[in-house]
């Protein structure tokens, strides 16, 4: 899918440090650039992956940025030392003095799969929300099957947070409205293209104010169904235009308008600098 270069895209959530990208990461970044995805925010889901994301951001200054956090699946690994490491990573600066870590997260609650006990998840989430307030960085949020607890904890901190984006939103209209009431941005992924599961989500996304929308792939996960023949089982940021196309269809707006607005939203939300082509 071609994209007018006047309207570049930003992928606000890509797990570029994942082992699935170990063998061809430079090519993945190159393909994204060729597809019009000029900047990417690389997700940190643990201390180790946050460090790796920071290194990628340093090596690709102006093109890649990082988050630093602990995914609720890994909340059992949270302790004071982990929090100190994330804080130190978040203060790192790039070659032009710019912040390389642009958000605290991924963080939140996930009661769906139960990889970490719920009390451990809540302790970790509370600590990362407090860190985000201290650093005055926005939060990159994850929620699955934990909406009531998640909203209650977020509400306690929301007035003091620099910003909040609900990453990979897959919920219903009532859940969306609670996030919008809290002033959250909404991250939309290829889940929107899944005809079997995305009916409620499409109805919800149609109601999101455009100034709150941002686009992401969550690669290597959530491969759009239409790309399975060409990409096997791995998603990548070069496929972000497919998400753009579906958001445009669902909202009834022109594709280029969605590209322009979501890119402006991402740059403003994360405080991204200008694009620098290539490492």
Protein backbone atom coordinates (compact mmCIF):
# COMPACT_ATOMS: atom_id res chain seq x y z
CA UNK A 1 0.00 0.00 0.00
CA UNK A 2 1.45 3.35 -1.00
CA UNK A 3 1.41 6.36 1.25
CA UNK A 4 1.85 10.01 0.34
CA UNK A 5 5.21 10.92 1.95
CA UNK A 6 3.67 14.20 3.08
CA UNK A 7 1.75 12.13 5.65
CA UNK A 8 4.20 9.74 7.35
CA UNK A 9 3.08 7.22 9.96
CA UNK A 10 4.30 6.52 13.49
CA UNK A 11 4.01 3.06 15.06
CA UNK A 12 3.55 3.81 18.77
CA UNK A 13 3.92 0.19 19.92
CA UNK A 14 6.30 -2.34 18.39
CA UNK A 15 8.15 -5.09 20.28
CA UNK A 16 11.25 -4.70 18.16
CA UNK A 17 13.49 -6.34 20.77
CA UNK A 18 11.52 -9.58 20.53
CA UNK A 19 13.46 -12.69 19.53
CA UNK A 20 11.35 -13.01 16.38
CA UNK A 21 13.23 -9.99 15.00
CA UNK A 22 16.70 -11.16 16.03
CA UNK A 23 17.75 -12.38 12.59
CA UNK A 24 16.53 -9.49 10.42
CA UNK A 25 15.87 -6.45 12.61
CA UNK A 26 17.72 -3.98 10.30
CA UNK A 27 15.63 -5.17 7.35
CA UNK A 28 12.44 -4.83 9.39
CA UNK A 29 13.33 -1.21 10.17
CA UNK A 30 14.18 -0.59 6.52
CA UNK A 31 10.88 -2.07 5.30
CA UNK A 32 8.98 0.08 7.78
CA UNK A 33 10.70 3.18 6.47
CA UNK A 34 9.89 2.20 2.89
CA UNK A 35 6.23 1.76 3.86
CA UNK A 36 6.06 5.32 5.22
CA UNK A 37 6.50 4.39 8.91
CA UNK A 38 9.11 6.98 9.71
CA UNK A 39 9.23 6.64 13.49
CA UNK A 40 8.59 3.79 15.93
CA UNK A 41 8.22 3.60 19.70
CA UNK A 42 9.86 0.36 20.87
CA UNK A 43 8.05 -1.21 23.79
CA UNK A 44 9.85 -2.14 27.00
CA UNK A 45 8.13 -4.97 28.88
CA UNK A 46 10.83 -5.82 31.43
CA UNK A 47 14.06 -4.30 32.68
CA UNK A 48 16.02 -6.31 30.10
CA UNK A 49 13.78 -5.45 27.15
CA UNK A 50 13.64 -1.80 28.25
CA UNK A 51 17.45 -1.69 28.17
CA UNK A 52 17.43 -3.28 24.72
CA UNK A 53 14.80 -0.80 23.52
CA UNK A 54 16.92 2.08 24.80
CA UNK A 55 19.97 0.79 22.92
CA UNK A 56 17.95 0.56 19.70
CA UNK A 57 16.72 4.10 20.23
CA UNK A 58 20.28 5.29 20.77
CA UNK A 59 21.48 3.52 17.61
CA UNK A 60 18.59 4.90 15.53
CA UNK A 61 18.26 8.38 16.99
CA UNK A 62 15.34 10.30 15.54
CA UNK A 63 13.75 7.17 14.10
CA UNK A 64 13.31 4.85 17.09
CA UNK A 65 12.28 5.75 20.63
CA UNK A 66 11.75 3.57 23.69
CA UNK A 67 9.43 2.95 26.60
CA UNK A 68 10.59 1.50 29.93
CA UNK A 69 8.30 -0.68 31.98
CA UNK A 70 7.21 -4.07 33.25
CA UNK A 71 4.35 -5.90 31.56
CA UNK A 72 1.77 -7.28 34.00
CA UNK A 73 2.70 -10.80 32.87
CA UNK A 74 6.15 -10.13 34.39
CA UNK A 75 4.95 -8.27 37.48
CA UNK A 76 6.29 -11.00 39.78
CA UNK A 77 9.79 -9.83 38.82
CA UNK A 78 9.12 -6.32 40.11
CA UNK A 79 11.16 -5.13 43.09
CA UNK A 80 12.87 -1.97 44.28
CA UNK A 81 15.97 -2.71 42.22
CA UNK A 82 13.90 -3.13 39.05
CA UNK A 83 12.18 0.18 39.69
CA UNK A 84 15.53 1.90 40.17
CA UNK A 85 16.80 0.43 36.90
CA UNK A 86 13.75 1.67 35.00
CA UNK A 87 14.14 5.11 36.51
CA UNK A 88 17.79 5.27 35.44
CA UNK A 89 16.94 4.12 31.92
CA UNK A 90 14.21 6.75 31.68
CA UNK A 91 16.72 9.51 32.36
CA UNK A 92 19.12 8.52 29.56
CA UNK A 93 19.69 11.10 26.84
CA UNK A 94 20.44 10.82 23.14
CA UNK A 95 23.16 12.47 21.04
CA UNK A 96 21.27 15.75 20.83
CA UNK A 97 20.31 15.73 24.51
CA UNK A 98 16.84 14.36 23.76
CA UNK A 99 15.02 11.89 25.98
CA UNK A 100 15.22 8.40 24.45
CA UNK A 101 12.61 6.86 26.76
CA UNK A 102 9.38 8.68 25.99
CA UNK A 103 6.93 6.81 28.24
CA UNK A 104 6.73 4.58 31.30
CA UNK A 105 5.34 1.19 30.40
CA UNK A 106 4.24 -1.17 29.17
CA UNK A 107 2.40 -1.42 32.47
CA UNK A 108 -1.07 -2.23 33.74
CA UNK A 109 -3.19 -5.22 34.69
CA UNK A 110 -3.93 -8.50 32.92
CA UNK A 111 -6.29 -10.89 34.70
CA UNK A 112 -6.92 -12.88 31.53
CA UNK A 113 -3.93 -15.22 31.52
CA UNK A 114 -2.72 -14.92 35.10
CA UNK A 115 1.03 -15.15 34.48
CA UNK A 116 1.60 -13.05 37.63
CA UNK A 117 -0.63 -12.98 40.76
CA UNK A 118 -3.11 -10.13 40.80
CA UNK A 119 -1.70 -8.57 43.96
CA UNK A 120 1.78 -8.55 42.37
CA UNK A 121 0.34 -6.89 39.27
CA UNK A 122 -1.33 -4.18 41.32
CA UNK A 123 1.86 -3.46 43.29
CA UNK A 124 3.89 -3.20 40.12
CA UNK A 125 1.31 -1.04 38.34
CA UNK A 126 1.04 1.35 41.30
CA UNK A 127 4.82 1.73 41.43
CA UNK A 128 5.11 2.46 37.71
CA UNK A 129 2.27 4.97 37.81
CA UNK A 130 4.09 6.74 40.65
CA UNK A 131 7.33 6.64 38.65
CA UNK A 132 5.60 8.22 35.66
CA UNK A 133 4.28 10.99 37.89
CA UNK A 134 7.75 11.55 39.33
CA UNK A 135 9.38 11.68 35.89
CA UNK A 136 6.46 13.50 34.26
CA UNK A 137 6.39 11.04 31.40
CA UNK A 138 3.19 9.61 29.92
CA UNK A 139 2.20 6.00 30.58
CA UNK A 140 1.88 3.24 27.96
CA UNK A 141 -0.90 1.06 29.34
CA UNK A 142 -2.04 -2.57 29.06
CA UNK A 143 -5.38 -3.90 30.28
CA UNK A 144 -7.05 -7.28 29.79
CA UNK A 145 -10.03 -8.60 31.79
CA UNK A 146 -9.20 -6.19 34.62
CA UNK A 147 -11.12 -3.09 33.65
CA UNK A 148 -12.61 -2.12 37.03
CA UNK A 149 -9.35 -2.40 39.00
CA UNK A 150 -7.37 -0.83 36.18
CA UNK A 151 -9.61 2.22 35.91
CA UNK A 152 -9.72 2.67 39.69
CA UNK A 153 -5.92 2.66 39.94
CA UNK A 154 -5.47 4.89 36.92
CA UNK A 155 -8.02 7.37 38.24
CA UNK A 156 -6.03 7.76 41.47
CA UNK A 157 -3.01 9.03 39.52
CA UNK A 158 -4.50 10.49 36.36
CA UNK A 159 -4.54 14.16 37.41
CA UNK A 160 -0.80 14.03 38.08
CA UNK A 161 0.20 12.08 34.94
CA UNK A 162 1.67 13.80 31.89
CA UNK A 163 -0.52 11.63 29.66
CA UNK A 164 -1.91 8.13 29.21
CA UNK A 165 -2.46 5.90 26.20
CA UNK A 166 -4.39 2.64 26.40
CA UNK A 167 -2.21 0.52 24.15
CA UNK A 168 -3.83 -2.07 21.88
CA UNK A 169 -7.38 -1.21 22.88
CA UNK A 170 -9.72 -4.14 22.16
CA UNK A 171 -12.64 -3.27 24.43
CA UNK A 172 -16.24 -2.19 24.04
CA UNK A 173 -17.92 1.21 23.93
CA UNK A 174 -18.54 1.41 27.68
CA UNK A 175 -14.87 0.72 28.40
CA UNK A 176 -13.83 3.25 25.79
CA UNK A 177 -16.00 5.92 27.34
CA UNK A 178 -14.38 5.39 30.75
CA UNK A 179 -10.94 5.86 29.20
CA UNK A 180 -11.99 8.95 27.29
CA UNK A 181 -13.45 10.39 30.48
CA UNK A 182 -10.01 9.99 32.04
CA UNK A 183 -8.43 11.86 29.14
CA UNK A 184 -6.66 8.81 27.71
CA UNK A 185 -5.45 8.36 24.16
CA UNK A 186 -6.35 5.12 22.39
CA UNK A 187 -3.90 2.90 20.51
CA UNK A 188 -5.41 0.90 17.64
CA UNK A 189 -3.83 -2.27 16.21
CA UNK A 190 -4.50 -4.91 13.57
CA UNK A 191 -7.03 -6.49 15.94
CA UNK A 192 -9.42 -4.08 14.23
CA UNK A 193 -9.08 -6.10 11.01
CA UNK A 194 -10.20 -9.40 12.55
CA UNK A 195 -13.73 -9.93 11.23
CA UNK A 196 -14.36 -12.71 13.75
CA UNK A 197 -13.65 -10.66 16.86
CA UNK A 198 -13.65 -6.94 16.09
CA UNK A 199 -17.35 -6.10 15.78
CA UNK A 200 -17.67 -4.31 19.13
CA UNK A 201 -14.24 -2.77 18.74
CA UNK A 202 -15.14 -1.25 15.38
CA UNK A 203 -18.23 0.34 16.87
CA UNK A 204 -16.13 1.77 19.69
CA UNK A 205 -13.32 3.09 17.47
CA UNK A 206 -15.87 4.91 15.33
CA UNK A 207 -16.63 7.00 18.45
CA UNK A 208 -13.07 7.95 19.39
CA UNK A 209 -12.33 11.66 18.88
CA UNK A 210 -9.62 11.83 16.22
CA UNK A 211 -7.36 13.87 18.47
CA UNK A 212 -7.18 10.87 20.85
CA UNK A 213 -6.28 8.21 18.24
CA UNK A 214 -2.86 6.70 17.58
CA UNK A 215 -1.80 3.74 15.44
CA UNK A 216 0.35 0.73 16.32
CA UNK A 217 1.15 -2.78 15.17
CA UNK A 218 2.17 -4.43 18.48
CA UNK A 219 4.48 -6.44 16.20
CA UNK A 220 5.41 -9.27 16.10
CA UNK A 221 1.92 -9.94 17.48
CA UNK A 222 -1.55 -9.26 16.03
CA UNK A 223 -0.73 -9.91 12.38
CA UNK A 224 -3.62 -8.57 10.26
CA UNK A 225 -5.50 -11.52 8.71
CA UNK A 226 -5.06 -10.12 5.21
CA UNK A 227 -1.25 -10.35 5.58
CA UNK A 228 -1.05 -13.99 6.64
CA UNK A 229 -0.26 -15.33 3.17
CA UNK A 230 2.62 -12.91 2.66
CA UNK A 231 3.98 -12.73 6.23
CA UNK A 232 3.31 -16.13 7.78
CA UNK A 233 2.69 -15.57 11.48
CA UNK A 234 4.84 -12.52 12.24
CA UNK A 235 3.58 -8.97 12.19
CA UNK A 236 5.95 -6.06 11.53
CA UNK A 237 5.73 -2.25 11.47
CA UNK A 238 5.71 -2.10 7.66
CA UNK A 239 2.13 -3.38 7.90
CA UNK A 240 0.91 -0.33 9.82
CA UNK A 241 -0.74 1.10 6.65
CA UNK A 242 -3.24 -1.80 6.89
CA UNK A 243 -4.31 -0.52 10.29
CA UNK A 244 -4.53 2.98 8.87
CA UNK A 245 -6.78 1.77 6.06
CA UNK A 246 -9.20 0.04 8.44
CA UNK A 247 -9.33 2.98 10.85
CA UNK A 248 -10.19 5.23 7.90
CA UNK A 249 -12.93 2.83 6.80
CA UNK A 250 -14.42 2.46 10.29
CA UNK A 251 -14.35 6.18 11.10
CA UNK A 252 -15.43 7.37 7.65
CA UNK A 253 -12.48 9.73 7.27
CA UNK A 254 -9.96 9.96 4.44
CA UNK A 255 -6.88 7.80 4.86
CA UNK A 256 -4.51 10.76 4.53
CA UNK A 257 -6.44 12.70 7.18
CA UNK A 258 -6.11 9.80 9.63
CA UNK A 259 -2.39 9.52 8.82
CA UNK A 260 -1.82 13.21 9.41
CA UNK A 261 -3.83 13.44 12.63
CA UNK A 262 -2.51 10.25 14.26
CA UNK A 263 1.07 11.20 13.43
CA UNK A 264 0.58 14.66 14.92
CA UNK A 265 -1.02 13.06 17.99
CA UNK A 266 1.91 10.68 18.48
CA UNK A 267 4.55 13.37 18.09
CA UNK A 268 2.77 15.63 20.55
CA UNK A 269 1.94 12.89 23.07
CA UNK A 270 5.43 11.36 23.22
CA UNK A 271 7.34 14.57 22.53
CA UNK A 272 9.10 13.05 19.53
CA UNK A 273 11.66 15.05 17.67
CA UNK A 274 11.96 15.34 13.91
CA UNK A 275 12.55 12.27 11.77
CA UNK A 276 16.14 11.38 10.97
CA UNK A 277 16.36 8.95 8.05
CA UNK A 278 18.43 5.92 8.85
CA UNK A 279 20.90 5.11 11.65
